Amino acid sequence: MRALEALILSDGRPGHYSLSEGIVTAIAQVREVNLRRMQVERPWWLPARALSYLVNYGVSPEQILRRVYGVDVHALGSPDLIVSAGGDTLAANISAARVTGAANVFYGSLRRYRPSDFSLVLTSYAEQAKGPNRLMTLKPSSNNPDEAEAAGSRPVRAPGDFPRVAGLIIGGDAGTVRYTDEDWRELLVFISECAELWGTRWIVSNAPRTPDLVSGMLAGMTGPQRAVQQFIDIRQVGPGTLGPLLTDSEVIVCTADSSTMLSECVWMRRPVVSVTPRGWALPANEASYREWLSANGWAKQLPIAQLNPDSFLDVLDAIEPLDVNPLDKLAEELKERLSLLIE
């Protein structure tokens, strides 16, 4: 069987193109893939609603690609499969598939676009997964937990034991999730308490939206014989640098603002505790997704105001990480739904 020619259309946002890469990595589990990437950008002057109208009501795909995205159709090549994530890639995904005749996969909400314009739509929200060409899944990642374990880097915590190495991924204010100074203070006190009581050493990563003051305090807590063993400062090293945290931590704490990072930790088969600030709420779809993770036992939630070593240990003992490789599971589900994977 020849290699599958795959094209990822990216809006340049790491949280989106990482989802696309996860899908393609899963496909590569069952068929060899030649992957190309192309960046597309919806111009600021064209509202998303207007663009969906143009696509849905017959403007030629060549015009959409050239005039909206500045893409020459010849640059698309001859892909067998087009993959994208993020609302600004929807019109480009549909148009590229129409021009090339390729199968197309999208991860996310279709907004005002028709499901029939896609070969398969992946989502992590149950309400959006209703339909013959829909698939509900854990948010995809290109990380392979089996490879991490084969390298001998998956420390395992026994029930009731305190973690020797723990990971902490912190974000910041996002949407309806808002942190107070008290939330940040209590979170940093918690990791210090675990270090003092148990000798736990933390691998910590911040995010672009993390307050500079908090990042500075974490930098000051980092070093030999300190609570933080390693601080991955995203302001200096950029995205895609969480490797040591995901592979070397026995357990991971993740602030509630980042659904993608929460999912990434679950994907790596780590016990994950999502910590919530005093002021927070989630849209119904996202709240349902978090409940699904919790109902499966893969991740649990704990308010920062109630966070201490004892409550943390109790919650950890209620978590049962994934017992399968989610990459293999997604590969099988894609194989069942995309005929081009079995040609």
C-alpha atoms as a PDB file:
ATOM      1  CA  MET A   1       0.000   0.000   0.000  1.00  0.00           C
ATOM      2  CA  ARG A   2       1.426   3.388  -0.986  1.00  0.00           C
ATOM      3  CA  ALA A   3       1.897   6.131   1.582  1.00  0.00           C
ATOM      4  CA  LEU A   4      -1.083   8.350   2.321  1.00  0.00           C
ATOM      5  CA  GLU A   5      -0.554  11.960   1.258  1.00  0.00           C
ATOM      6  CA  ALA A   6      -1.871  14.130   4.116  1.00  0.00           C
ATOM      7  CA  LEU A   7      -2.132  17.912   4.310  1.00  0.00           C
ATOM      8  CA  ILE A   8      -2.663  19.788   7.587  1.00  0.00           C
ATOM      9  CA  LEU A   9      -4.167  23.257   7.234  1.00  0.00           C
ATOM     10  CA  SER A  10      -3.118  25.298  10.262  1.00  0.00           C
ATOM     11  CA  ASP A  11      -4.254  28.653  11.644  1.00  0.00           C
ATOM     12  CA  GLY A  12      -0.921  28.932  13.474  1.00  0.00           C
ATOM     13  CA  ARG A  13      -2.383  28.347  16.932  1.00  0.00           C
ATOM     14  CA  PRO A  14      -0.482  25.586  18.784  1.00  0.00           C
ATOM     15  CA  GLY A  15      -3.608  24.295  20.520  1.00  0.00           C
ATOM     16  CA  HIS A  16      -5.243  23.748  17.140  1.00  0.00           C
ATOM     17  CA  TYR A  17      -2.459  22.341  14.999  1.00  0.00           C
ATOM     18  CA  SER A  18      -1.487  19.954  17.800  1.00  0.00           C
ATOM     19  CA  LEU A  19      -4.975  18.426  17.518  1.00  0.00           C
ATOM     20  CA  SER A  20      -4.503  17.976  13.764  1.00  0.00           C
ATOM     21  CA  GLU A  21      -1.090  16.428  14.315  1.00  0.00           C
ATOM     22  CA  GLY A  22      -2.627  14.026  16.825  1.00  0.00           C
ATOM     23  CA  ILE A  23      -5.139  12.855  14.222  1.00  0.00           C
ATOM     24  CA  VAL A  24      -2.461  12.336  11.579  1.00  0.00           C
ATOM     25  CA  THR A  25      -0.199  10.539  14.075  1.00  0.00           C
ATOM     26  CA  ALA A  26      -3.059   8.154  14.845  1.00  0.00           C
ATOM     27  CA  ILE A  27      -3.562   7.502  11.140  1.00  0.00           C
ATOM     28  CA  ALA A  28       0.158   6.761  10.827  1.00  0.00           C
ATOM     29  CA  GLN A  29      -0.385   3.878  13.252  1.00  0.00           C
ATOM     30  CA  VAL A  30      -2.283   2.007  10.521  1.00  0.00           C
ATOM     31  CA  ARG A  31      -0.868   3.444   7.289  1.00  0.00           C
ATOM     32  CA  GLU A  32       2.326   5.162   6.233  1.00  0.00           C
ATOM     33  CA  VAL A  33       1.812   8.913   5.896  1.00  0.00           C
ATOM     34  CA  ASN A  34       3.615  11.639   3.971  1.00  0.00           C
ATOM     35  CA  LEU A  35       2.663  14.851   5.765  1.00  0.00           C
ATOM     36  CA  ARG A  36       2.730  18.437   4.544  1.00  0.00           C
ATOM     37  CA  ARG A  37       1.568  21.544   6.402  1.00  0.00           C
ATOM     38  CA  MET A  38       0.124  24.770   5.079  1.00  0.00           C
ATOM     39  CA  GLN A  39      -0.761  27.848   7.104  1.00  0.00           C
ATOM     40  CA  VAL A  40      -4.046  29.596   6.334  1.00  0.00           C
ATOM     41  CA  GLU A  41      -5.378  32.789   7.849  1.00  0.00           C
ATOM     42  CA  ARG A  42      -8.862  34.277   7.650  1.00  0.00           C
ATOM     43  CA  PRO A  43      -8.482  38.023   6.989  1.00  0.00           C
ATOM     44  CA  TRP A  44      -9.674  40.314   9.773  1.00  0.00           C
ATOM     45  CA  TRP A  45     -12.015  42.201   7.465  1.00  0.00           C
ATOM     46  CA  LEU A  46     -14.115  39.137   6.591  1.00  0.00           C
ATOM     47  CA  PRO A  47     -16.427  38.026   9.432  1.00  0.00           C
ATOM     48  CA  ALA A  48     -16.641  34.285  10.049  1.00  0.00           C
ATOM     49  CA  ARG A  49     -20.414  34.357   9.491  1.00  0.00           C
ATOM     50  CA  ALA A  50     -19.993  35.990   6.079  1.00  0.00           C
ATOM     51  CA  LEU A  51     -17.337  33.465   5.067  1.00  0.00           C
ATOM     52  CA  SER A  52     -19.585  30.540   5.959  1.00  0.00           C
ATOM     53  CA  TYR A  53     -22.336  32.067   3.811  1.00  0.00           C
ATOM     54  CA  LEU A  54     -19.972  32.321   0.835  1.00  0.00           C
ATOM     55  CA  VAL A  55     -18.932  28.664   1.202  1.00  0.00           C
ATOM     56  CA  ASN A  56     -22.437  27.316   1.835  1.00  0.00           C
ATOM     57  CA  TYR A  57     -24.054  29.187  -1.035  1.00  0.00           C
ATOM     58  CA  GLY A  58     -21.834  28.380  -3.931  1.00  0.00           C
ATOM     59  CA  VAL A  59     -18.826  30.676  -4.268  1.00  0.00           C
ATOM     60  CA  SER A  60     -16.228  28.566  -6.049  1.00  0.00           C
ATOM     61  CA  PRO A  61     -13.624  26.899  -3.822  1.00  0.00           C
ATOM     62  CA  GLU A  62     -10.846  28.295  -6.010  1.00  0.00           C
ATOM     63  CA  GLN A  63     -12.110  31.822  -5.286  1.00  0.00           C
ATOM     64  CA  ILE A  64     -12.357  31.131  -1.557  1.00  0.00           C
ATOM     65  CA  LEU A  65      -8.809  29.819  -1.435  1.00  0.00           C
ATOM     66  CA  ARG A  66      -7.268  32.529  -3.580  1.00  0.00           C
ATOM     67  CA  ARG A  67      -9.189  35.653  -2.540  1.00  0.00           C
ATOM     68  CA  VAL A  68      -9.779  34.862   1.138  1.00  0.00           C
ATOM     69  CA  TYR A  69      -6.730  32.817   2.122  1.00  0.00           C
ATOM     70  CA  GLY A  70      -4.261  33.826  -0.588  1.00  0.00           C
ATOM     71  CA  VAL A  71      -3.697  30.169  -1.516  1.00  0.00           C
ATOM     72  CA  ASP A  72      -2.891  29.121  -5.084  1.00  0.00           C
ATOM     73  CA  VAL A  73      -4.768  25.860  -5.670  1.00  0.00           C
ATOM     74  CA  HIS A  74      -1.674  24.371  -7.325  1.00  0.00           C
ATOM     75  CA  ALA A  75       0.132  24.690  -4.001  1.00  0.00           C
ATOM     76  CA  LEU A  76      -2.264  22.168  -2.503  1.00  0.00           C
ATOM     77  CA  GLY A  77      -0.735  19.361  -4.524  1.00  0.00           C
ATOM     78  CA  SER A  78      -2.644  16.070  -4.650  1.00  0.00           C
ATOM     79  CA  PRO A  79      -3.466  15.131  -1.068  1.00  0.00           C
ATOM     80  CA  ASP A  80      -5.489  12.056  -0.172  1.00  0.00           C
ATOM     81  CA  LEU A  81      -6.531  13.603   3.125  1.00  0.00           C
ATOM     82  CA  ILE A  82      -6.936  17.128   4.497  1.00  0.00           C
ATOM     83  CA  VAL A  83      -6.989  17.706   8.261  1.00  0.00           C
ATOM     84  CA  SER A  84      -7.549  20.853  10.282  1.00  0.00           C
ATOM     85  CA  ALA A  85      -8.788  22.216  13.612  1.00  0.00           C
ATOM     86  CA  GLY A  86      -9.981  25.670  14.602  1.00  0.00           C
ATOM     87  CA  GLY A  87     -12.893  27.667  13.201  1.00  0.00           C
ATOM     88  CA  ASP A  88     -10.779  29.832  10.902  1.00  0.00           C
ATOM     89  CA  THR A  89      -9.694  26.740   8.943  1.00  0.00           C
ATOM     90  CA  LEU A  90     -13.212  25.450   8.208  1.00  0.00           C
ATOM     91  CA  ALA A  91     -13.727  27.247   4.897  1.00  0.00           C
ATOM     92  CA  ALA A  92     -10.197  26.421   3.730  1.00  0.00           C
ATOM     93  CA  ASN A  93     -10.667  22.748   4.639  1.00  0.00           C
ATOM     94  CA  ILE A  94     -13.928  22.454   2.686  1.00  0.00           C
ATOM     95  CA  SER A  95     -12.614  24.397  -0.296  1.00  0.00           C
ATOM     96  CA  ALA A  96      -9.361  22.440  -0.504  1.00  0.00           C
ATOM     97  CA  ALA A  97     -11.279  19.157  -0.378  1.00  0.00           C
ATOM     98  CA  ARG A  98     -13.624  20.323  -3.147  1.00  0.00           C
ATOM     99  CA  VAL A  99     -10.723  21.330  -5.367  1.00  0.00           C
ATOM    100  CA  THR A 100      -8.575  18.235  -4.844  1.00  0.00           C
ATOM    101  CA  GLY A 101     -11.234  15.588  -4.258  1.00  0.00           C
ATOM    102  CA  ALA A 102      -9.463  14.589  -1.033  1.00  0.00           C
ATOM    103  CA  ALA A 103     -11.184  13.186   2.026  1.00  0.00           C
ATOM    104  CA  ASN A 104     -11.313  15.781   4.788  1.00  0.00           C
ATOM    105  CA  VAL A 105     -11.336  15.623   8.583  1.00  0.00           C
ATOM    106  CA  PHE A 106     -12.014  18.456  10.996  1.00  0.00           C
ATOM    107  CA  TYR A 107     -11.715  18.592  14.776  1.00  0.00           C
ATOM    108  CA  GLY A 108     -14.026  20.979  16.599  1.00  0.00           C
ATOM    109  CA  SER A 109     -17.360  22.757  16.276  1.00  0.00           C
ATOM    110  CA  LEU A 110     -18.735  23.206  12.754  1.00  0.00           C
ATOM    111  CA  ARG A 111     -20.362  26.546  13.601  1.00  0.00           C
ATOM    112  CA  ARG A 112     -22.535  27.299  10.562  1.00  0.00           C
ATOM    113  CA  TYR A 113     -21.011  24.778   8.175  1.00  0.00           C
ATOM    114  CA  ARG A 114     -22.712  21.611   6.956  1.00  0.00           C
ATOM    115  CA  PRO A 115     -21.573  18.221   8.298  1.00  0.00           C
ATOM    116  CA  SER A 116     -22.005  16.786   4.797  1.00  0.00           C
ATOM    117  CA  ASP A 117     -19.026  18.886   3.650  1.00  0.00           C
ATOM    118  CA  PHE A 118     -16.673  16.677   5.693  1.00  0.00           C
ATOM    119  CA  SER A 119     -15.673  13.038   5.530  1.00  0.00           C
ATOM    120  CA  LEU A 120     -15.432  12.958   9.328  1.00  0.00           C
ATOM    121  CA  VAL A 121     -15.833  15.445  12.173  1.00  0.00           C
ATOM    122  CA  LEU A 122     -14.149  14.770  15.508  1.00  0.00           C
ATOM    123  CA  THR A 123     -15.321  16.417  18.705  1.00  0.00           C
ATOM    124  CA  SER A 124     -14.951  15.984  22.444  1.00  0.00           C
ATOM    125  CA  TYR A 125     -18.473  17.226  23.115  1.00  0.00           C
ATOM    126  CA  ALA A 126     -21.300  14.692  23.269  1.00  0.00           C
ATOM    127  CA  GLU A 127     -23.911  17.136  21.950  1.00  0.00           C
ATOM    128  CA  GLN A 128     -21.849  17.731  18.807  1.00  0.00           C
ATOM    129  CA  ALA A 129     -21.149  14.034  18.213  1.00  0.00           C
ATOM    130  CA  LYS A 130     -24.630  13.144  16.960  1.00  0.00           C
ATOM    131  CA  GLY A 131     -24.515  12.160  13.296  1.00  0.00           C
ATOM    132  CA  PRO A 132     -23.208   9.466  10.981  1.00  0.00           C
ATOM    133  CA  ASN A 133     -19.905  11.203  10.264  1.00  0.00           C
ATOM    134  CA  ARG A 134     -19.152  12.329  13.823  1.00  0.00           C
ATOM    135  CA  LEU A 135     -16.767  10.833  16.361  1.00  0.00           C
ATOM    136  CA  MET A 136     -16.492  11.745  20.036  1.00  0.00           C
ATOM    137  CA  THR A 137     -12.965  11.356  21.325  1.00  0.00           C
ATOM    138  CA  LEU A 138     -10.488  12.476  23.932  1.00  0.00           C
ATOM    139  CA  LYS A 139      -8.777  15.550  22.511  1.00  0.00           C
ATOM    140  CA  PRO A 140      -6.085  14.058  20.230  1.00  0.00           C
ATOM    141  CA  SER A 141      -2.356  14.335  20.818  1.00  0.00           C
ATOM    142  CA  SER A 142       0.647  13.225  18.794  1.00  0.00           C
ATOM    143  CA  ASN A 143       2.378  11.985  21.957  1.00  0.00           C
ATOM    144  CA  ASN A 144       2.656   8.212  22.271  1.00  0.00           C
ATOM    145  CA  PRO A 145       2.551   7.061  25.921  1.00  0.00           C
ATOM    146  CA  ASP A 146       3.878   3.620  24.950  1.00  0.00           C
ATOM    147  CA  GLU A 147       7.076   5.188  23.618  1.00  0.00           C
ATOM    148  CA  ALA A 148       7.572   7.128  26.853  1.00  0.00           C
ATOM    149  CA  GLU A 149       7.138   3.959  28.885  1.00  0.00           C
ATOM    150  CA  ALA A 150       9.438   1.955  26.606  1.00  0.00           C
ATOM    151  CA  ALA A 151      12.117   4.524  27.399  1.00  0.00           C
ATOM    152  CA  GLY A 152      11.583   3.723  31.065  1.00  0.00           C
ATOM    153  CA  SER A 153      10.416   7.197  31.971  1.00  0.00           C
ATOM    154  CA  ARG A 154       6.983   6.478  33.441  1.00  0.00           C
ATOM    155  CA  PRO A 155       7.290   6.584  37.221  1.00  0.00           C
ATOM    156  CA  VAL A 156       4.283   4.955  38.856  1.00  0.00           C
ATOM    157  CA  ARG A 157       2.817   6.028  42.172  1.00  0.00           C
ATOM    158  CA  ALA A 158       1.290   3.276  44.330  1.00  0.00           C
ATOM    159  CA  PRO A 159      -2.119   4.006  45.925  1.00  0.00           C
ATOM    160  CA  GLY A 160      -1.712   5.890  49.181  1.00  0.00           C
ATOM    161  CA  ASP A 161       1.886   6.856  48.456  1.00  0.00           C
ATOM    162  CA  PHE A 162       2.932  10.460  48.146  1.00  0.00           C
ATOM    163  CA  PRO A 163       4.327  11.484  44.757  1.00  0.00           C
ATOM    164  CA  ARG A 164       8.076  11.836  44.530  1.00  0.00           C
ATOM    165  CA  VAL A 165       7.966  13.890  41.314  1.00  0.00           C
ATOM    166  CA  ALA A 166       4.829  15.826  40.402  1.00  0.00           C
ATOM    167  CA  GLY A 167       3.977  18.053  37.476  1.00  0.00           C
ATOM    168  CA  LEU A 168       2.136  21.376  37.596  1.00  0.00           C
ATOM    169  CA  ILE A 169       0.780  23.123  34.497  1.00  0.00           C
ATOM    170  CA  ILE A 170      -0.538  26.588  35.181  1.00  0.00           C
ATOM    171  CA  GLY A 171      -2.398  28.887  32.829  1.00  0.00           C
ATOM    172  CA  GLY A 172      -4.229  32.072  33.682  1.00  0.00           C
ATOM    173  CA  ASP A 173      -7.412  34.008  33.109  1.00  0.00           C
ATOM    174  CA  ALA A 174      -9.323  32.669  30.110  1.00  0.00           C
ATOM    175  CA  GLY A 175     -12.969  33.176  29.227  1.00  0.00           C
ATOM    176  CA  THR A 176     -15.060  32.550  32.317  1.00  0.00           C
ATOM    177  CA  VAL A 177     -12.135  31.228  34.387  1.00  0.00           C
ATOM    178  CA  ARG A 178     -10.606  33.945  36.560  1.00  0.00           C
ATOM    179  CA  TYR A 179      -7.909  33.725  39.229  1.00  0.00           C
ATOM    180  CA  THR A 180      -7.476  35.949  42.257  1.00  0.00           C
ATOM    181  CA  ASP A 181      -4.197  36.757  43.978  1.00  0.00           C
ATOM    182  CA  GLU A 182      -5.377  34.464  46.775  1.00  0.00           C
ATOM    183  CA  ASP A 183      -5.799  31.556  44.321  1.00  0.00           C
ATOM    184  CA  TRP A 184      -2.222  31.937  43.101  1.00  0.00           C
ATOM    185  CA  ARG A 185      -0.843  32.315  46.615  1.00  0.00           C
ATOM    186  CA  GLU A 186      -2.634  29.179  47.845  1.00  0.00           C
ATOM    187  CA  LEU A 187      -1.486  27.146  44.837  1.00  0.00           C
ATOM    188  CA  LEU A 188       2.162  28.047  45.426  1.00  0.00           C
ATOM    189  CA  VAL A 189       1.820  27.384  49.156  1.00  0.00           C
ATOM    190  CA  PHE A 190       0.422  23.943  48.306  1.00  0.00           C
ATOM    191  CA  ILE A 191       3.418  22.889  46.224  1.00  0.00           C
ATOM    192  CA  SER A 192       5.748  24.125  48.964  1.00  0.00           C
ATOM    193  CA  GLU A 193       3.829  22.124  51.569  1.00  0.00           C
ATOM    194  CA  CYS A 194       4.102  18.937  49.486  1.00  0.00           C
ATOM    195  CA  ALA A 195       7.851  19.516  49.147  1.00  0.00           C
ATOM    196  CA  GLU A 196       8.303  20.065  52.858  1.00  0.00           C
ATOM    197  CA  LEU A 197       6.027  17.222  54.010  1.00  0.00           C
ATOM    198  CA  TRP A 198       6.839  14.531  51.451  1.00  0.00           C
ATOM    199  CA  GLY A 199      10.001  15.693  49.715  1.00  0.00           C
ATOM    200  CA  THR A 200       8.020  16.011  46.463  1.00  0.00           C
ATOM    201  CA  ARG A 201       9.880  17.807  43.710  1.00  0.00           C
ATOM    202  CA  TRP A 202       7.840  19.652  41.120  1.00  0.00           C
ATOM    203  CA  ILE A 203       8.270  20.114  37.389  1.00  0.00           C
ATOM    204  CA  VAL A 204       6.297  23.251  36.557  1.00  0.00           C
ATOM    205  CA  SER A 205       5.273  24.909  33.300  1.00  0.00           C
ATOM    206  CA  ASN A 206       3.514  28.206  32.839  1.00  0.00           C
ATOM    207  CA  ALA A 207       1.591  29.523  29.812  1.00  0.00           C
ATOM    208  CA  PRO A 208       1.579  32.771  27.822  1.00  0.00           C
ATOM    209  CA  ARG A 209      -1.403  33.969  29.889  1.00  0.00           C
ATOM    210  CA  THR A 210       0.206  33.232  33.269  1.00  0.00           C
ATOM    211  CA  PRO A 211       0.711  36.506  35.205  1.00  0.00           C
ATOM    212  CA  ASP A 212       4.347  37.609  35.125  1.00  0.00           C
ATOM    213  CA  LEU A 213       4.318  37.976  38.907  1.00  0.00           C
ATOM    214  CA  VAL A 214       3.367  34.307  39.331  1.00  0.00           C
ATOM    215  CA  SER A 215       5.994  33.184  36.821  1.00  0.00           C
ATOM    216  CA  GLY A 216       8.581  35.235  38.675  1.00  0.00           C
ATOM    217  CA  MET A 217       7.630  33.641  42.000  1.00  0.00           C
ATOM    218  CA  LEU A 218       7.951  30.162  40.458  1.00  0.00           C
ATOM    219  CA  ALA A 219      11.377  31.028  39.078  1.00  0.00           C
ATOM    220  CA  GLY A 220      12.386  32.021  42.604  1.00  0.00           C
ATOM    221  CA  MET A 221      11.189  28.638  43.938  1.00  0.00           C
ATOM    222  CA  THR A 222      13.340  26.696  41.453  1.00  0.00           C
ATOM    223  CA  GLY A 223      16.666  25.101  42.208  1.00  0.00           C
ATOM    224  CA  PRO A 224      18.458  22.371  44.159  1.00  0.00           C
ATOM    225  CA  GLN A 225      16.770  21.581  47.477  1.00  0.00           C
ATOM    226  CA  ARG A 226      13.819  23.784  46.543  1.00  0.00           C
ATOM    227  CA  ALA A 227      10.196  22.857  45.842  1.00  0.00           C
ATOM    228  CA  VAL A 228      10.506  23.267  42.067  1.00  0.00           C
ATOM    229  CA  GLN A 229      12.997  20.913  40.437  1.00  0.00           C
ATOM    230  CA  GLN A 230      12.485  22.333  36.939  1.00  0.00           C
ATOM    231  CA  PHE A 231      10.608  25.397  35.711  1.00  0.00           C
ATOM    232  CA  ILE A 232       9.674  25.317  32.025  1.00  0.00           C
ATOM    233  CA  ASP A 233       9.163  29.028  31.384  1.00  0.00           C
ATOM    234  CA  ILE A 234       7.155  29.278  28.183  1.00  0.00           C
ATOM    235  CA  ARG A 235       8.154  32.929  27.836  1.00  0.00           C
ATOM    236  CA  GLN A 236      11.702  31.792  27.153  1.00  0.00           C
ATOM    237  CA  VAL A 237      11.455  28.339  25.573  1.00  0.00           C
ATOM    238  CA  GLY A 238       8.201  28.644  23.608  1.00  0.00           C
ATOM    239  CA  PRO A 239       5.400  26.091  23.051  1.00  0.00           C
ATOM    240  CA  GLY A 240       5.884  22.361  22.595  1.00  0.00           C
ATOM    241  CA  THR A 241       8.348  22.003  25.472  1.00  0.00           C
ATOM    242  CA  LEU A 242       6.360  19.984  28.019  1.00  0.00           C
ATOM    243  CA  GLY A 243       8.149  16.704  27.326  1.00  0.00           C
ATOM    244  CA  PRO A 244       9.932  16.277  30.682  1.00  0.00           C
ATOM    245  CA  LEU A 245       6.818  17.233  32.641  1.00  0.00           C
ATOM    246  CA  LEU A 246       4.581  14.758  30.800  1.00  0.00           C
ATOM    247  CA  THR A 247       7.043  11.868  30.898  1.00  0.00           C
ATOM    248  CA  ASP A 248       8.777  12.245  34.267  1.00  0.00           C
ATOM    249  CA  SER A 249       5.894  13.184  36.577  1.00  0.00           C
ATOM    250  CA  GLU A 250       4.082  10.519  38.582  1.00  0.00           C
ATOM    251  CA  VAL A 251       1.020  12.767  38.883  1.00  0.00           C
ATOM    252  CA  ILE A 252       0.036  16.071  37.294  1.00  0.00           C
ATOM    253  CA  VAL A 253      -1.882  19.094  38.559  1.00  0.00           C
ATOM    254  CA  CYS A 254      -3.406  21.296  35.867  1.00  0.00           C
ATOM    255  CA  THR A 255      -5.231  24.592  36.339  1.00  0.00           C
ATOM    256  CA  ALA A 256      -8.830  24.498  35.139  1.00  0.00           C
ATOM    257  CA  ASP A 257      -8.495  27.054  32.342  1.00  0.00           C
ATOM    258  CA  SER A 258      -6.750  24.662  29.938  1.00  0.00           C
ATOM    259  CA  SER A 259      -8.911  21.867  28.563  1.00  0.00           C
ATOM    260  CA  THR A 260      -6.248  20.988  26.005  1.00  0.00           C
ATOM    261  CA  MET A 261      -3.505  20.527  28.590  1.00  0.00           C
ATOM    262  CA  LEU A 262      -5.817  18.576  30.872  1.00  0.00           C
ATOM    263  CA  SER A 263      -6.547  16.242  27.965  1.00  0.00           C
ATOM    264  CA  GLU A 264      -2.867  15.970  27.063  1.00  0.00           C
ATOM    265  CA  CYS A 265      -2.074  14.749  30.563  1.00  0.00           C
ATOM    266  CA  VAL A 266      -4.918  12.222  30.497  1.00  0.00           C
ATOM    267  CA  TRP A 267      -3.663  11.066  27.080  1.00  0.00           C
ATOM    268  CA  MET A 268      -0.250  10.342  28.618  1.00  0.00           C
ATOM    269  CA  ARG A 269      -1.955   8.050  31.159  1.00  0.00           C
ATOM    270  CA  ARG A 270      -1.057  10.169  34.157  1.00  0.00           C
ATOM    271  CA  PRO A 271      -3.293  10.743  37.190  1.00  0.00           C
ATOM    272  CA  VAL A 272      -4.518  14.315  36.665  1.00  0.00           C
ATOM    273  CA  VAL A 273      -6.080  16.734  39.143  1.00  0.00           C
ATOM    274  CA  SER A 274      -7.693  19.863  37.717  1.00  0.00           C
ATOM    275  CA  VAL A 275      -7.614  22.699  40.271  1.00  0.00           C
ATOM    276  CA  THR A 276     -10.278  25.390  40.084  1.00  0.00           C
ATOM    277  CA  PRO A 277     -10.181  29.027  41.208  1.00  0.00           C
ATOM    278  CA  ARG A 278     -12.847  30.788  43.224  1.00  0.00           C
ATOM    279  CA  GLY A 279     -14.274  32.584  40.207  1.00  0.00           C
ATOM    280  CA  TRP A 280     -14.920  30.174  37.406  1.00  0.00           C
ATOM    281  CA  ALA A 281     -17.561  28.664  35.168  1.00  0.00           C
ATOM    282  CA  LEU A 282     -17.521  26.606  31.989  1.00  0.00           C
ATOM    283  CA  PRO A 283     -19.793  26.506  28.932  1.00  0.00           C
ATOM    284  CA  ALA A 284     -22.200  23.576  29.052  1.00  0.00           C
ATOM    285  CA  ASN A 285     -20.313  21.557  26.408  1.00  0.00           C
ATOM    286  CA  GLU A 286     -16.975  21.945  28.155  1.00  0.00           C
ATOM    287  CA  ALA A 287     -18.479  21.184  31.561  1.00  0.00           C
ATOM    288  CA  SER A 288     -19.940  17.995  30.090  1.00  0.00           C
ATOM    289  CA  TYR A 289     -16.519  17.021  28.715  1.00  0.00           C
ATOM    290  CA  ARG A 290     -14.863  17.496  32.110  1.00  0.00           C
ATOM    291  CA  GLU A 291     -17.629  15.383  33.700  1.00  0.00           C
ATOM    292  CA  TRP A 292     -16.963  12.668  31.092  1.00  0.00           C
ATOM    293  CA  LEU A 293     -13.267  12.630  32.013  1.00  0.00           C
ATOM    294  CA  SER A 294     -14.165  12.402  35.690  1.00  0.00           C
ATOM    295  CA  ALA A 295     -16.827   9.703  35.195  1.00  0.00           C
ATOM    296  CA  ASN A 296     -14.229   7.556  33.431  1.00  0.00           C
ATOM    297  CA  GLY A 297     -11.898   8.036  36.395  1.00  0.00           C
ATOM    298  CA  TRP A 298      -9.168   9.613  34.273  1.00  0.00           C
ATOM    299  CA  ALA A 299      -9.124  13.028  35.965  1.00  0.00           C
ATOM    300  CA  LYS A 300     -10.661  14.642  39.025  1.00  0.00           C
ATOM    301  CA  GLN A 301     -11.340  18.196  40.109  1.00  0.00           C
ATOM    302  CA  LEU A 302     -10.432  20.022  43.322  1.00  0.00           C
ATOM    303  CA  PRO A 303     -10.987  23.676  44.302  1.00  0.00           C
ATOM    304  CA  ILE A 304      -7.785  25.556  45.058  1.00  0.00           C
ATOM    305  CA  ALA A 305      -9.428  26.791  48.267  1.00  0.00           C
ATOM    306  CA  GLN A 306      -9.592  23.165  49.465  1.00  0.00           C
ATOM    307  CA  LEU A 307      -6.192  22.132  48.135  1.00  0.00           C
ATOM    308  CA  ASN A 308      -3.758  20.696  50.661  1.00  0.00           C
ATOM    309  CA  PRO A 309      -1.558  17.570  50.793  1.00  0.00           C
ATOM    310  CA  ASP A 310      -4.274  15.442  52.458  1.00  0.00           C
ATOM    311  CA  SER A 311      -7.098  16.401  50.071  1.00  0.00           C
ATOM    312  CA  PHE A 312      -4.722  15.994  47.139  1.00  0.00           C
ATOM    313  CA  LEU A 313      -3.799  12.450  48.178  1.00  0.00           C
ATOM    314  CA  ASP A 314      -7.472  11.521  48.634  1.00  0.00           C
ATOM    315  CA  VAL A 315      -8.342  12.724  45.134  1.00  0.00           C
ATOM    316  CA  LEU A 316      -5.334  10.974  43.581  1.00  0.00           C
ATOM    317  CA  ASP A 317      -6.504   7.644  45.023  1.00  0.00           C
ATOM    318  CA  ALA A 318      -9.844   8.072  43.198  1.00  0.00           C
ATOM    319  CA  ILE A 319      -8.167   8.350  39.784  1.00  0.00           C
ATOM    320  CA  GLU A 320      -7.625   5.405  37.429  1.00  0.00           C
ATOM    321  CA  PRO A 321      -5.534   6.463  34.414  1.00  0.00           C
ATOM    322  CA  LEU A 322      -6.227   5.110  30.948  1.00  0.00           C
ATOM    323  CA  ASP A 323      -5.236   1.471  30.562  1.00  0.00           C
ATOM    324  CA  VAL A 324      -5.008   1.593  26.755  1.00  0.00           C
ATOM    325  CA  ASN A 325      -2.916   3.651  24.365  1.00  0.00           C
ATOM    326  CA  PRO A 326      -5.331   6.386  23.204  1.00  0.00           C
ATOM    327  CA  LEU A 327      -3.338   6.764  19.993  1.00  0.00           C
ATOM    328  CA  ASP A 328      -4.058   3.128  19.076  1.00  0.00           C
ATOM    329  CA  LYS A 329      -7.708   3.509  20.090  1.00  0.00           C
ATOM    330  CA  LEU A 330      -8.147   6.594  17.906  1.00  0.00           C
ATOM    331  CA  ALA A 331      -6.371   4.837  15.020  1.00  0.00           C
ATOM    332  CA  GLU A 332      -8.872   1.971  15.139  1.00  0.00           C
ATOM    333  CA  GLU A 333     -11.827   4.339  15.287  1.00  0.00           C
ATOM    334  CA  LEU A 334     -10.528   6.303  12.310  1.00  0.00           C
ATOM    335  CA  LYS A 335      -9.917   3.102  10.380  1.00  0.00           C
ATOM    336  CA  GLU A 336     -13.560   2.109  10.884  1.00  0.00           C
ATOM    337  CA  ARG A 337     -14.795   5.440   9.532  1.00  0.00           C
ATOM    338  CA  LEU A 338     -12.346   6.396   6.786  1.00  0.00           C
ATOM    339  CA  SER A 339     -12.290   3.939   3.890  1.00  0.00           C
ATOM    340  CA  LEU A 340      -9.031   5.372   2.513  1.00  0.00           C
ATOM    341  CA  LEU A 341      -7.182   3.837   5.494  1.00  0.00           C
ATOM    342  CA  ILE A 342      -7.964   0.287   4.362  1.00  0.00           C
ATOM    343  CA  GLU A 343      -7.482   0.668   0.614  1.00  0.00           C
END
